[in-house]
Amino acid sequence: MQPRNMSMSGVVDLAAVKAAQEAKAKAEQARAEAARRGGADAVSPADLVIDVDEAGFERDVLQRSTEVPVVIDFWAEWCEPCKQLSPVLERLAVEYNGRFLLAKIDVDANQMLMQQFGIQGIPAVFAVVAGQALPLFQGAAGETQIRETLDQLVQVAEQRFGLTGLTVDPEAEPGRAPAADEVPAGPYDSLLEAAARALDGNDLDGAVQAYKNVLAEDPANPEAKLGLAQAELLRRVRDMDPQQVRKDAAEKPGDVQAQIAAADLDLAGGHVEDAFGRLVDTVARTAGDDREAARVRLLELFDVVGADHPAVVTARRALARALF
């Protein structure tokens, strides 16, 4: 069986992905720093390859795909090409160091999943990003082609959805994250306290700069990322005329900046779903720079709310549908 065309250019306009190499470098730096600090979300290399069945598919694939691209290897014990392909994918999952998660599904034991993905033959490899399935290739494939496809997948996940992957700690025990009391105290506590005081005191410029100072040294610091996102949102809406902003958004549905401003105002007012829905709709009906501006702002608003918020999970899936 010959592999299908493995280019993803028909799924996502990769020409619109800007500064991909820079983003990858920053993501890798963030992962390395988080691993050094013993982050609570660190996994062992053994956790990068998992067996998945129908009962655990939603938890292990769909939910995980909102934080890391999940590559699915459909295989069977009797499939000789699978025995050649699967070890390559497993080795690359470890080599890519958390940029994607490999989920192995035995089609003999999971016929329903095979049918849902419309698989006609194995091996078959798919990816799930933000809840959306993407066919990668079917049949035997060379390692060079596989690497090219994985590189594109990682690039799309980082640039389009802000998914920088998992933090891998070689010292972590498989299936176990470090307990909270095992995580060393960060060296930026005093700076974070100063930033929080500035934010509480409505010194938004000071808070933004303080959080940026922390992130310059510790790019993965979750408290600084959250604080910066909140401070920047409050600074953007500080001088807005809410009535005028909402009037402009209602009268100019095609004005992307008007929709972005209204989304900021929605979120600042606690209307999370409204803010996300407005920007997802804007992404769906625009193209080029306008689409990119709406997408980037949506990712920034995700940071304000936090990746674990149910509305963020739902909006990531909606964004994937709008883009793909």
C-alpha atoms as a PDB file:
ATOM      1  CA  MET A   1       0.000   0.000   0.000  1.00  0.00           C
ATOM      2  CA  GLN A   2       1.438   3.341  -1.020  1.00  0.00           C
ATOM      3  CA  PRO A   3       1.420   6.284   1.382  1.00  0.00           C
ATOM      4  CA  ARG A   4      -0.880   9.167   0.645  1.00  0.00           C
ATOM      5  CA  ASN A   5       0.450  12.628  -0.050  1.00  0.00           C
ATOM      6  CA  MET A   6       1.732  13.680   3.365  1.00  0.00           C
ATOM      7  CA  SER A   7       1.811  17.439   2.761  1.00  0.00           C
ATOM      8  CA  MET A   8      -0.403  19.435   5.105  1.00  0.00           C
ATOM      9  CA  SER A   9      -0.475  22.491   2.854  1.00  0.00           C
ATOM     10  CA  GLY A  10      -3.993  21.625   1.771  1.00  0.00           C
ATOM     11  CA  VAL A  11      -5.205  21.668   5.370  1.00  0.00           C
ATOM     12  CA  VAL A  12      -3.523  24.806   6.650  1.00  0.00           C
ATOM     13  CA  ASP A  13      -1.997  27.703   4.754  1.00  0.00           C
ATOM     14  CA  LEU A  14       1.540  27.314   6.015  1.00  0.00           C
ATOM     15  CA  ALA A  15       2.601  30.416   4.094  1.00  0.00           C
ATOM     16  CA  ALA A  16       0.615  32.416   6.637  1.00  0.00           C
ATOM     17  CA  VAL A  17       2.597  31.010   9.553  1.00  0.00           C
ATOM     18  CA  LYS A  18       5.086  33.695  10.476  1.00  0.00           C
ATOM     19  CA  ALA A  19       8.363  33.311  12.350  1.00  0.00           C
ATOM     20  CA  ALA A  20       7.879  29.581  12.781  1.00  0.00           C
ATOM     21  CA  GLN A  21      11.481  28.857  13.677  1.00  0.00           C
ATOM     22  CA  GLU A  22      11.511  31.621  16.283  1.00  0.00           C
ATOM     23  CA  ALA A  23       8.336  30.285  17.846  1.00  0.00           C
ATOM     24  CA  LYS A  24       9.769  26.778  17.972  1.00  0.00           C
ATOM     25  CA  ALA A  25      12.907  28.050  19.671  1.00  0.00           C
ATOM     26  CA  LYS A  26      10.876  29.924  22.268  1.00  0.00           C
ATOM     27  CA  ALA A  27       8.651  26.913  22.882  1.00  0.00           C
ATOM     28  CA  GLU A  28      11.669  24.667  23.332  1.00  0.00           C
ATOM     29  CA  GLN A  29      13.206  27.178  25.747  1.00  0.00           C
ATOM     30  CA  ALA A  30      10.002  27.238  27.741  1.00  0.00           C
ATOM     31  CA  ARG A  31       9.853  23.449  27.905  1.00  0.00           C
ATOM     32  CA  ALA A  32      13.485  23.178  28.973  1.00  0.00           C
ATOM     33  CA  GLU A  33      13.040  25.791  31.674  1.00  0.00           C
ATOM     34  CA  ALA A  34       9.901  24.150  32.997  1.00  0.00           C
ATOM     35  CA  ALA A  35      11.666  20.798  33.139  1.00  0.00           C
ATOM     36  CA  ARG A  36      14.614  22.351  34.974  1.00  0.00           C
ATOM     37  CA  ARG A  37      12.273  23.785  37.555  1.00  0.00           C
ATOM     38  CA  GLY A  38      10.539  20.447  38.005  1.00  0.00           C
ATOM     39  CA  GLY A  39       7.184  21.721  36.775  1.00  0.00           C
ATOM     40  CA  ALA A  40       4.111  19.927  38.104  1.00  0.00           C
ATOM     41  CA  ASP A  41       3.033  19.027  34.595  1.00  0.00           C
ATOM     42  CA  ALA A  42       6.287  17.279  33.653  1.00  0.00           C
ATOM     43  CA  VAL A  43       6.036  13.755  32.229  1.00  0.00           C
ATOM     44  CA  SER A  44       8.602  11.040  31.722  1.00  0.00           C
ATOM     45  CA  PRO A  45       9.743   9.979  28.235  1.00  0.00           C
ATOM     46  CA  ALA A  46       7.787   6.747  28.743  1.00  0.00           C
ATOM     47  CA  ASP A  47       4.572   8.786  29.005  1.00  0.00           C
ATOM     48  CA  LEU A  48       4.978  10.089  25.443  1.00  0.00           C
ATOM     49  CA  VAL A  49       3.701   6.794  23.976  1.00  0.00           C
ATOM     50  CA  ILE A  50       0.363   5.538  25.273  1.00  0.00           C
ATOM     51  CA  ASP A  51      -2.090   2.772  24.441  1.00  0.00           C
ATOM     52  CA  VAL A  52      -5.617   4.068  23.908  1.00  0.00           C
ATOM     53  CA  ASP A  53      -8.946   2.267  23.724  1.00  0.00           C
ATOM     54  CA  GLU A  54     -12.515   3.369  23.041  1.00  0.00           C
ATOM     55  CA  ALA A  55     -13.273   3.954  26.716  1.00  0.00           C
ATOM     56  CA  GLY A  56     -10.334   6.297  27.183  1.00  0.00           C
ATOM     57  CA  PHE A  57     -10.343   8.000  23.786  1.00  0.00           C
ATOM     58  CA  GLU A  58     -12.049  11.212  24.890  1.00  0.00           C
ATOM     59  CA  ARG A  59      -9.794  11.611  27.922  1.00  0.00           C
ATOM     60  CA  ASP A  60      -6.505  10.438  26.421  1.00  0.00           C
ATOM     61  CA  VAL A  61      -6.838  11.884  22.909  1.00  0.00           C
ATOM     62  CA  LEU A  62      -9.526  14.575  22.612  1.00  0.00           C
ATOM     63  CA  GLN A  63      -8.836  16.280  25.931  1.00  0.00           C
ATOM     64  CA  ARG A  64      -5.060  15.932  25.654  1.00  0.00           C
ATOM     65  CA  SER A  65      -5.173  17.422  22.146  1.00  0.00           C
ATOM     66  CA  THR A  66      -6.002  20.806  23.676  1.00  0.00           C
ATOM     67  CA  GLU A  67      -2.506  20.914  25.203  1.00  0.00           C
ATOM     68  CA  VAL A  68      -0.386  18.850  22.799  1.00  0.00           C
ATOM     69  CA  PRO A  69      -0.821  17.449  19.259  1.00  0.00           C
ATOM     70  CA  VAL A  70      -1.793  13.776  19.492  1.00  0.00           C
ATOM     71  CA  VAL A  71      -0.567  11.476  16.721  1.00  0.00           C
ATOM     72  CA  ILE A  72      -2.630   8.275  16.433  1.00  0.00           C
ATOM     73  CA  ASP A  73      -1.058   5.059  15.159  1.00  0.00           C
ATOM     74  CA  PHE A  74      -3.761   2.588  14.107  1.00  0.00           C
ATOM     75  CA  TRP A  75      -2.195  -0.884  14.106  1.00  0.00           C
ATOM     76  CA  ALA A  76      -2.835  -4.597  14.581  1.00  0.00           C
ATOM     77  CA  GLU A  77      -0.694  -7.538  15.682  1.00  0.00           C
ATOM     78  CA  TRP A  78      -1.084  -9.311  12.320  1.00  0.00           C
ATOM     79  CA  CYS A  79      -0.041  -6.218  10.299  1.00  0.00           C
ATOM     80  CA  GLU A  80       3.565  -6.596   9.104  1.00  0.00           C
ATOM     81  CA  PRO A  81       3.960  -2.977   7.864  1.00  0.00           C
ATOM     82  CA  CYS A  82       2.738  -1.844  11.309  1.00  0.00           C
ATOM     83  CA  LYS A  83       5.646  -3.682  12.896  1.00  0.00           C
ATOM     84  CA  GLN A  84       8.002  -1.575  10.807  1.00  0.00           C
ATOM     85  CA  LEU A  85       6.238   1.767  11.235  1.00  0.00           C
ATOM     86  CA  SER A  86       5.275   1.686  14.916  1.00  0.00           C
ATOM     87  CA  PRO A  87       8.847   1.507  16.311  1.00  0.00           C
ATOM     88  CA  VAL A  88       9.820   4.503  14.173  1.00  0.00           C
ATOM     89  CA  LEU A  89       6.900   6.568  15.498  1.00  0.00           C
ATOM     90  CA  GLU A  90       7.680   5.534  19.078  1.00  0.00           C
ATOM     91  CA  ARG A  91      11.317   6.535  18.704  1.00  0.00           C
ATOM     92  CA  LEU A  92      10.397   9.881  17.157  1.00  0.00           C
ATOM     93  CA  ALA A  93       7.876  10.594  19.932  1.00  0.00           C
ATOM     94  CA  VAL A  94      10.718  10.428  22.437  1.00  0.00           C
ATOM     95  CA  GLU A  95      13.134  12.310  20.167  1.00  0.00           C
ATOM     96  CA  TYR A  96      10.653  15.168  19.666  1.00  0.00           C
ATOM     97  CA  ASN A  97      10.694  15.572  23.445  1.00  0.00           C
ATOM     98  CA  GLY A  98       7.044  16.335  24.128  1.00  0.00           C
ATOM     99  CA  ARG A  99       6.183  18.216  20.946  1.00  0.00           C
ATOM    100  CA  PHE A 100       3.589  15.526  20.246  1.00  0.00           C
ATOM    101  CA  LEU A 101       2.009  12.593  22.068  1.00  0.00           C
ATOM    102  CA  LEU A 102       1.778   9.203  20.329  1.00  0.00           C
ATOM    103  CA  ALA A 103      -1.439   7.252  20.913  1.00  0.00           C
ATOM    104  CA  LYS A 104      -1.459   3.609  19.739  1.00  0.00           C
ATOM    105  CA  ILE A 105      -4.842   2.063  18.906  1.00  0.00           C
ATOM    106  CA  ASP A 106      -5.247  -1.659  18.219  1.00  0.00           C
ATOM    107  CA  VAL A 107      -7.938  -1.772  15.523  1.00  0.00           C
ATOM    108  CA  ASP A 108      -8.918  -5.357  16.334  1.00  0.00           C
ATOM    109  CA  ALA A 109      -9.890  -4.334  19.845  1.00  0.00           C
ATOM    110  CA  ASN A 110     -11.333  -0.936  18.856  1.00  0.00           C
ATOM    111  CA  GLN A 111     -13.429  -1.461  15.738  1.00  0.00           C
ATOM    112  CA  MET A 112     -15.682   1.514  16.491  1.00  0.00           C
ATOM    113  CA  LEU A 113     -12.771   3.959  16.447  1.00  0.00           C
ATOM    114  CA  MET A 114     -11.548   2.460  13.183  1.00  0.00           C
ATOM    115  CA  GLN A 115     -14.976   3.038  11.648  1.00  0.00           C
ATOM    116  CA  GLN A 116     -15.281   6.570  13.019  1.00  0.00           C
ATOM    117  CA  PHE A 117     -11.990   7.544  11.378  1.00  0.00           C
ATOM    118  CA  GLY A 118     -13.029   5.897   8.103  1.00  0.00           C
ATOM    119  CA  ILE A 119      -9.945   3.706   7.968  1.00  0.00           C
ATOM    120  CA  GLN A 120      -9.802   1.308   5.016  1.00  0.00           C
ATOM    121  CA  GLY A 121      -6.401  -0.206   5.726  1.00  0.00           C
ATOM    122  CA  ILE A 122      -3.538  -0.141   8.192  1.00  0.00           C
ATOM    123  CA  PRO A 123      -1.134   1.160   9.221  1.00  0.00           C
ATOM    124  CA  ALA A 124      -2.954   4.477   9.252  1.00  0.00           C
ATOM    125  CA  VAL A 125      -1.728   7.588  11.041  1.00  0.00           C
ATOM    126  CA  PHE A 126      -3.851  10.556  12.056  1.00  0.00           C
ATOM    127  CA  ALA A 127      -3.299  13.632  14.207  1.00  0.00           C
ATOM    128  CA  VAL A 128      -5.771  15.294  16.545  1.00  0.00           C
ATOM    129  CA  VAL A 129      -5.214  18.987  17.260  1.00  0.00           C
ATOM    130  CA  ALA A 130      -7.621  20.911  19.482  1.00  0.00           C
ATOM    131  CA  GLY A 131     -10.180  18.153  19.092  1.00  0.00           C
ATOM    132  CA  GLN A 132      -9.977  18.058  15.279  1.00  0.00           C
ATOM    133  CA  ALA A 133      -8.739  14.982  13.378  1.00  0.00           C
ATOM    134  CA  LEU A 134      -6.294  15.364  10.479  1.00  0.00           C
ATOM    135  CA  PRO A 135      -5.238  12.445   8.236  1.00  0.00           C
ATOM    136  CA  LEU A 136      -1.449  12.258   7.962  1.00  0.00           C
ATOM    137  CA  PHE A 137      -0.678   9.131   5.933  1.00  0.00           C
ATOM    138  CA  GLN A 138      -1.662   5.529   5.345  1.00  0.00           C
ATOM    139  CA  GLY A 139       0.637   2.614   4.637  1.00  0.00           C
ATOM    140  CA  ALA A 140       4.410   2.393   4.811  1.00  0.00           C
ATOM    141  CA  ALA A 141       6.375   5.647   4.819  1.00  0.00           C
ATOM    142  CA  GLY A 142      10.019   6.607   4.989  1.00  0.00           C
ATOM    143  CA  GLU A 143      11.429   8.278   8.072  1.00  0.00           C
ATOM    144  CA  THR A 144      12.322  11.435   6.136  1.00  0.00           C
ATOM    145  CA  GLN A 145       8.705  11.860   5.026  1.00  0.00           C
ATOM    146  CA  ILE A 146       7.444  11.132   8.521  1.00  0.00           C
ATOM    147  CA  ARG A 147       9.744  13.760  10.010  1.00  0.00           C
ATOM    148  CA  GLU A 148       8.614  16.359   7.483  1.00  0.00           C
ATOM    149  CA  THR A 149       4.976  15.687   8.337  1.00  0.00           C
ATOM    150  CA  LEU A 150       5.619  15.825  12.085  1.00  0.00           C
ATOM    151  CA  ASP A 151       7.541  19.088  11.694  1.00  0.00           C
ATOM    152  CA  GLN A 152       4.584  20.635   9.873  1.00  0.00           C
ATOM    153  CA  LEU A 153       2.165  19.298  12.482  1.00  0.00           C
ATOM    154  CA  VAL A 154       4.185  20.772  15.337  1.00  0.00           C
ATOM    155  CA  GLN A 155       4.493  24.086  13.517  1.00  0.00           C
ATOM    156  CA  VAL A 156       0.751  24.298  12.918  1.00  0.00           C
ATOM    157  CA  ALA A 157      -0.045  23.402  16.529  1.00  0.00           C
ATOM    158  CA  GLU A 158       2.336  26.033  17.905  1.00  0.00           C
ATOM    159  CA  GLN A 159       1.519  28.847  15.495  1.00  0.00           C
ATOM    160  CA  ARG A 160      -2.218  28.342  15.070  1.00  0.00           C
ATOM    161  CA  PHE A 161      -3.251  27.134  18.500  1.00  0.00           C
ATOM    162  CA  GLY A 162      -0.437  28.036  20.871  1.00  0.00           C
ATOM    163  CA  LEU A 163       0.159  24.361  21.748  1.00  0.00           C
ATOM    164  CA  THR A 164       3.808  24.101  22.758  1.00  0.00           C
ATOM    165  CA  GLY A 165       3.613  20.495  23.887  1.00  0.00           C
ATOM    166  CA  LEU A 166       4.470  18.662  27.078  1.00  0.00           C
ATOM    167  CA  THR A 167       7.319  19.259  29.500  1.00  0.00           C
ATOM    168  CA  VAL A 168       9.499  16.147  29.645  1.00  0.00           C
ATOM    169  CA  ASP A 169      11.605  15.373  32.711  1.00  0.00           C
ATOM    170  CA  PRO A 170      13.901  12.345  32.244  1.00  0.00           C
ATOM    171  CA  GLU A 171      13.931  11.892  36.028  1.00  0.00           C
ATOM    172  CA  ALA A 172      10.153  11.779  36.369  1.00  0.00           C
ATOM    173  CA  GLU A 173       8.533   8.436  37.133  1.00  0.00           C
ATOM    174  CA  PRO A 174       6.246   7.152  34.350  1.00  0.00           C
ATOM    175  CA  GLY A 175       2.632   8.085  34.940  1.00  0.00           C
ATOM    176  CA  ARG A 176       3.453  10.368  37.834  1.00  0.00           C
ATOM    177  CA  ALA A 177       3.924  14.137  38.031  1.00  0.00           C
ATOM    178  CA  PRO A 178       5.938  15.665  40.888  1.00  0.00           C
ATOM    179  CA  ALA A 179       3.908  16.544  43.958  1.00  0.00           C
ATOM    180  CA  ALA A 180       3.445  20.218  44.771  1.00  0.00           C
ATOM    181  CA  ASP A 181       5.832  20.046  47.712  1.00  0.00           C
ATOM    182  CA  GLU A 182       8.543  18.608  45.424  1.00  0.00           C
ATOM    183  CA  VAL A 183       8.543  21.684  43.178  1.00  0.00           C
ATOM    184  CA  PRO A 184      11.324  24.082  44.173  1.00  0.00           C
ATOM    185  CA  ALA A 185      10.381  27.628  44.992  1.00  0.00           C
ATOM    186  CA  GLY A 186      10.919  29.997  42.125  1.00  0.00           C
ATOM    187  CA  PRO A 187      13.533  32.753  42.313  1.00  0.00           C
ATOM    188  CA  TYR A 188      11.069  35.462  41.232  1.00  0.00           C
ATOM    189  CA  ASP A 189       8.688  35.566  44.194  1.00  0.00           C
ATOM    190  CA  SER A 190       9.534  39.157  45.162  1.00  0.00           C
ATOM    191  CA  LEU A 191       9.188  40.380  41.565  1.00  0.00           C
ATOM    192  CA  LEU A 192       5.842  38.635  41.198  1.00  0.00           C
ATOM    193  CA  GLU A 193       4.608  40.171  44.444  1.00  0.00           C
ATOM    194  CA  ALA A 194       5.623  43.624  43.206  1.00  0.00           C
ATOM    195  CA  ALA A 195       3.833  43.019  39.927  1.00  0.00           C
ATOM    196  CA  ALA A 196       0.699  41.880  41.741  1.00  0.00           C
ATOM    197  CA  ARG A 197       0.767  44.974  43.942  1.00  0.00           C
ATOM    198  CA  ALA A 198       1.066  47.183  40.869  1.00  0.00           C
ATOM    199  CA  LEU A 199      -1.875  45.386  39.290  1.00  0.00           C
ATOM    200  CA  ASP A 200      -3.977  45.741  42.428  1.00  0.00           C
ATOM    201  CA  GLY A 201      -3.048  49.421  42.593  1.00  0.00           C
ATOM    202  CA  ASN A 202      -4.185  49.960  38.981  1.00  0.00           C
ATOM    203  CA  ASP A 203      -0.623  50.736  37.899  1.00  0.00           C
ATOM    204  CA  LEU A 204      -1.141  48.742  34.729  1.00  0.00           C
ATOM    205  CA  ASP A 205       1.975  49.968  32.932  1.00  0.00           C
ATOM    206  CA  GLY A 206       4.081  49.032  35.936  1.00  0.00           C
ATOM    207  CA  ALA A 207       2.435  45.632  36.226  1.00  0.00           C
ATOM    208  CA  VAL A 208       2.977  44.857  32.535  1.00  0.00           C
ATOM    209  CA  GLN A 209       6.661  45.750  32.749  1.00  0.00           C
ATOM    210  CA  ALA A 210       7.144  43.793  35.968  1.00  0.00           C
ATOM    211  CA  TYR A 211       5.635  40.640  34.528  1.00  0.00           C
ATOM    212  CA  LYS A 212       7.677  41.054  31.352  1.00  0.00           C
ATOM    213  CA  ASN A 213      10.817  41.294  33.479  1.00  0.00           C
ATOM    214  CA  VAL A 214      10.037  37.935  35.030  1.00  0.00           C
ATOM    215  CA  LEU A 215       9.237  36.305  31.699  1.00  0.00           C
ATOM    216  CA  ALA A 216      12.458  37.602  30.161  1.00  0.00           C
ATOM    217  CA  GLU A 217      14.328  35.342  32.585  1.00  0.00           C
ATOM    218  CA  ASP A 218      11.706  32.617  33.050  1.00  0.00           C
ATOM    219  CA  PRO A 219       9.586  32.344  29.859  1.00  0.00           C
ATOM    220  CA  ALA A 220       7.427  29.493  31.188  1.00  0.00           C
ATOM    221  CA  ASN A 221       6.524  31.090  34.532  1.00  0.00           C
ATOM    222  CA  PRO A 222       2.753  30.442  34.731  1.00  0.00           C
ATOM    223  CA  GLU A 223       1.991  33.170  37.263  1.00  0.00           C
ATOM    224  CA  ALA A 224       3.799  35.802  35.209  1.00  0.00           C
ATOM    225  CA  LYS A 225       2.111  34.664  31.962  1.00  0.00           C
ATOM    226  CA  LEU A 226      -1.316  34.875  33.573  1.00  0.00           C
ATOM    227  CA  GLY A 227      -0.601  38.199  35.243  1.00  0.00           C
ATOM    228  CA  LEU A 228       0.772  39.739  32.054  1.00  0.00           C
ATOM    229  CA  ALA A 229      -2.249  38.626  30.041  1.00  0.00           C
ATOM    230  CA  GLN A 230      -4.607  40.119  32.610  1.00  0.00           C
ATOM    231  CA  ALA A 231      -2.669  43.365  32.929  1.00  0.00           C
ATOM    232  CA  GLU A 232      -2.476  43.850  29.161  1.00  0.00           C
ATOM    233  CA  LEU A 233      -6.210  43.220  28.815  1.00  0.00           C
ATOM    234  CA  LEU A 234      -7.040  45.759  31.518  1.00  0.00           C
ATOM    235  CA  ARG A 235      -4.692  48.290  29.927  1.00  0.00           C
ATOM    236  CA  ARG A 236      -6.345  47.835  26.525  1.00  0.00           C
ATOM    237  CA  VAL A 237      -9.876  48.413  27.861  1.00  0.00           C
ATOM    238  CA  ARG A 238      -8.899  51.157  30.325  1.00  0.00           C
ATOM    239  CA  ASP A 239      -9.703  54.071  28.025  1.00  0.00           C
ATOM    240  CA  MET A 240     -12.451  52.449  25.985  1.00  0.00           C
ATOM    241  CA  ASP A 241     -15.926  53.932  25.684  1.00  0.00           C
ATOM    242  CA  PRO A 242     -17.980  50.737  26.137  1.00  0.00           C
ATOM    243  CA  GLN A 243     -21.050  52.135  24.452  1.00  0.00           C
ATOM    244  CA  GLN A 244     -19.105  53.270  21.394  1.00  0.00           C
ATOM    245  CA  VAL A 245     -17.144  50.015  21.189  1.00  0.00           C
ATOM    246  CA  ARG A 246     -20.312  47.933  21.184  1.00  0.00           C
ATOM    247  CA  LYS A 247     -21.979  50.277  18.698  1.00  0.00           C
ATOM    248  CA  ASP A 248     -19.034  49.983  16.306  1.00  0.00           C
ATOM    249  CA  ALA A 249     -18.969  46.177  16.621  1.00  0.00           C
ATOM    250  CA  ALA A 250     -22.700  45.927  15.916  1.00  0.00           C
ATOM    251  CA  GLU A 251     -22.653  48.310  12.957  1.00  0.00           C
ATOM    252  CA  LYS A 252     -19.386  47.068  11.418  1.00  0.00           C
ATOM    253  CA  PRO A 253     -19.353  43.266  11.549  1.00  0.00           C
ATOM    254  CA  GLY A 254     -16.604  43.206   8.928  1.00  0.00           C
ATOM    255  CA  ASP A 255     -14.310  45.514  10.909  1.00  0.00           C
ATOM    256  CA  VAL A 256     -11.875  43.112  12.585  1.00  0.00           C
ATOM    257  CA  GLN A 257     -10.408  45.697  14.943  1.00  0.00           C
ATOM    258  CA  ALA A 258     -13.902  46.626  16.097  1.00  0.00           C
ATOM    259  CA  GLN A 259     -14.629  42.965  16.841  1.00  0.00           C
ATOM    260  CA  ILE A 260     -11.313  42.548  18.658  1.00  0.00           C
ATOM    261  CA  ALA A 261     -12.030  45.592  20.834  1.00  0.00           C
ATOM    262  CA  ALA A 262     -15.510  44.288  21.651  1.00  0.00           C
ATOM    263  CA  ALA A 263     -14.060  40.879  22.541  1.00  0.00           C
ATOM    264  CA  ASP A 264     -11.610  42.530  24.939  1.00  0.00           C
ATOM    265  CA  LEU A 265     -14.498  44.383  26.536  1.00  0.00           C
ATOM    266  CA  ASP A 266     -16.567  41.191  26.737  1.00  0.00           C
ATOM    267  CA  LEU A 267     -13.828  39.308  28.541  1.00  0.00           C
ATOM    268  CA  ALA A 268     -13.002  42.165  30.893  1.00  0.00           C
ATOM    269  CA  GLY A 269     -16.677  42.198  31.824  1.00  0.00           C
ATOM    270  CA  GLY A 270     -16.697  38.469  32.542  1.00  0.00           C
ATOM    271  CA  HIS A 271     -18.518  37.411  29.370  1.00  0.00           C
ATOM    272  CA  VAL A 272     -16.018  34.702  28.464  1.00  0.00           C
ATOM    273  CA  GLU A 273     -18.071  32.717  25.963  1.00  0.00           C
ATOM    274  CA  ASP A 274     -19.194  35.892  24.197  1.00  0.00           C
ATOM    275  CA  ALA A 275     -15.604  37.069  23.794  1.00  0.00           C
ATOM    276  CA  PHE A 276     -14.381  33.751  22.449  1.00  0.00           C
ATOM    277  CA  GLY A 277     -17.388  33.234  20.194  1.00  0.00           C
ATOM    278  CA  ARG A 278     -17.003  36.690  18.668  1.00  0.00           C
ATOM    279  CA  LEU A 279     -13.392  36.057  17.701  1.00  0.00           C
ATOM    280  CA  VAL A 280     -13.982  32.510  16.464  1.00  0.00           C
ATOM    281  CA  ASP A 281     -16.730  33.886  14.200  1.00  0.00           C
ATOM    282  CA  THR A 282     -14.367  36.610  13.018  1.00  0.00           C
ATOM    283  CA  VAL A 283     -11.677  34.045  12.179  1.00  0.00           C
ATOM    284  CA  ALA A 284     -14.224  31.977  10.257  1.00  0.00           C
ATOM    285  CA  ARG A 285     -15.325  34.805   7.975  1.00  0.00           C
ATOM    286  CA  THR A 286     -12.001  36.557   7.342  1.00  0.00           C
ATOM    287  CA  ALA A 287      -8.696  35.770   5.655  1.00  0.00           C
ATOM    288  CA  GLY A 288      -5.102  36.945   5.516  1.00  0.00           C
ATOM    289  CA  ASP A 289      -3.914  39.534   8.017  1.00  0.00           C
ATOM    290  CA  ASP A 290      -7.414  40.097   9.399  1.00  0.00           C
ATOM    291  CA  ARG A 291      -7.830  36.419  10.221  1.00  0.00           C
ATOM    292  CA  GLU A 292      -4.368  36.293  11.775  1.00  0.00           C
ATOM    293  CA  ALA A 293      -5.097  39.344  13.972  1.00  0.00           C
ATOM    294  CA  ALA A 294      -8.305  37.779  15.285  1.00  0.00           C
ATOM    295  CA  ARG A 295      -6.633  34.414  15.856  1.00  0.00           C
ATOM    296  CA  VAL A 296      -3.702  35.918  17.750  1.00  0.00           C
ATOM    297  CA  ARG A 297      -5.981  37.971  19.981  1.00  0.00           C
ATOM    298  CA  LEU A 298      -8.065  34.876  20.721  1.00  0.00           C
ATOM    299  CA  LEU A 299      -4.938  33.012  21.865  1.00  0.00           C
ATOM    300  CA  GLU A 300      -4.028  35.979  24.056  1.00  0.00           C
ATOM    301  CA  LEU A 301      -7.467  35.892  25.652  1.00  0.00           C
ATOM    302  CA  PHE A 302      -7.039  32.166  26.310  1.00  0.00           C
ATOM    303  CA  ASP A 303      -4.040  33.130  28.459  1.00  0.00           C
ATOM    304  CA  VAL A 304      -6.201  35.513  30.488  1.00  0.00           C
ATOM    305  CA  VAL A 305      -8.645  32.749  31.398  1.00  0.00           C
ATOM    306  CA  GLY A 306      -6.247  29.814  31.653  1.00  0.00           C
ATOM    307  CA  ALA A 307      -5.896  26.646  29.577  1.00  0.00           C
ATOM    308  CA  ASP A 308      -7.964  24.517  31.970  1.00  0.00           C
ATOM    309  CA  HIS A 309     -11.105  26.663  31.718  1.00  0.00           C
ATOM    310  CA  PRO A 310     -13.890  24.708  29.947  1.00  0.00           C
ATOM    311  CA  ALA A 311     -14.605  27.682  27.693  1.00  0.00           C
ATOM    312  CA  VAL A 312     -11.014  27.608  26.446  1.00  0.00           C
ATOM    313  CA  VAL A 313     -11.225  23.909  25.593  1.00  0.00           C
ATOM    314  CA  THR A 314     -14.477  24.490  23.698  1.00  0.00           C
ATOM    315  CA  ALA A 315     -13.137  27.555  21.914  1.00  0.00           C
ATOM    316  CA  ARG A 316      -9.950  25.779  20.822  1.00  0.00           C
ATOM    317  CA  ARG A 317     -12.059  23.137  19.109  1.00  0.00           C
ATOM    318  CA  ALA A 318     -14.225  25.815  17.491  1.00  0.00           C
ATOM    319  CA  LEU A 319     -11.081  27.615  16.328  1.00  0.00           C
ATOM    320  CA  ALA A 320      -9.785  24.400  14.778  1.00  0.00           C
ATOM    321  CA  ARG A 321     -13.024  23.974  12.845  1.00  0.00           C
ATOM    322  CA  ALA A 322     -12.848  27.587  11.650  1.00  0.00           C
ATOM    323  CA  LEU A 323      -9.261  27.195  10.456  1.00  0.00           C
ATOM    324  CA  PHE A 324      -9.431  23.713   9.000  1.00  0.00           C
END
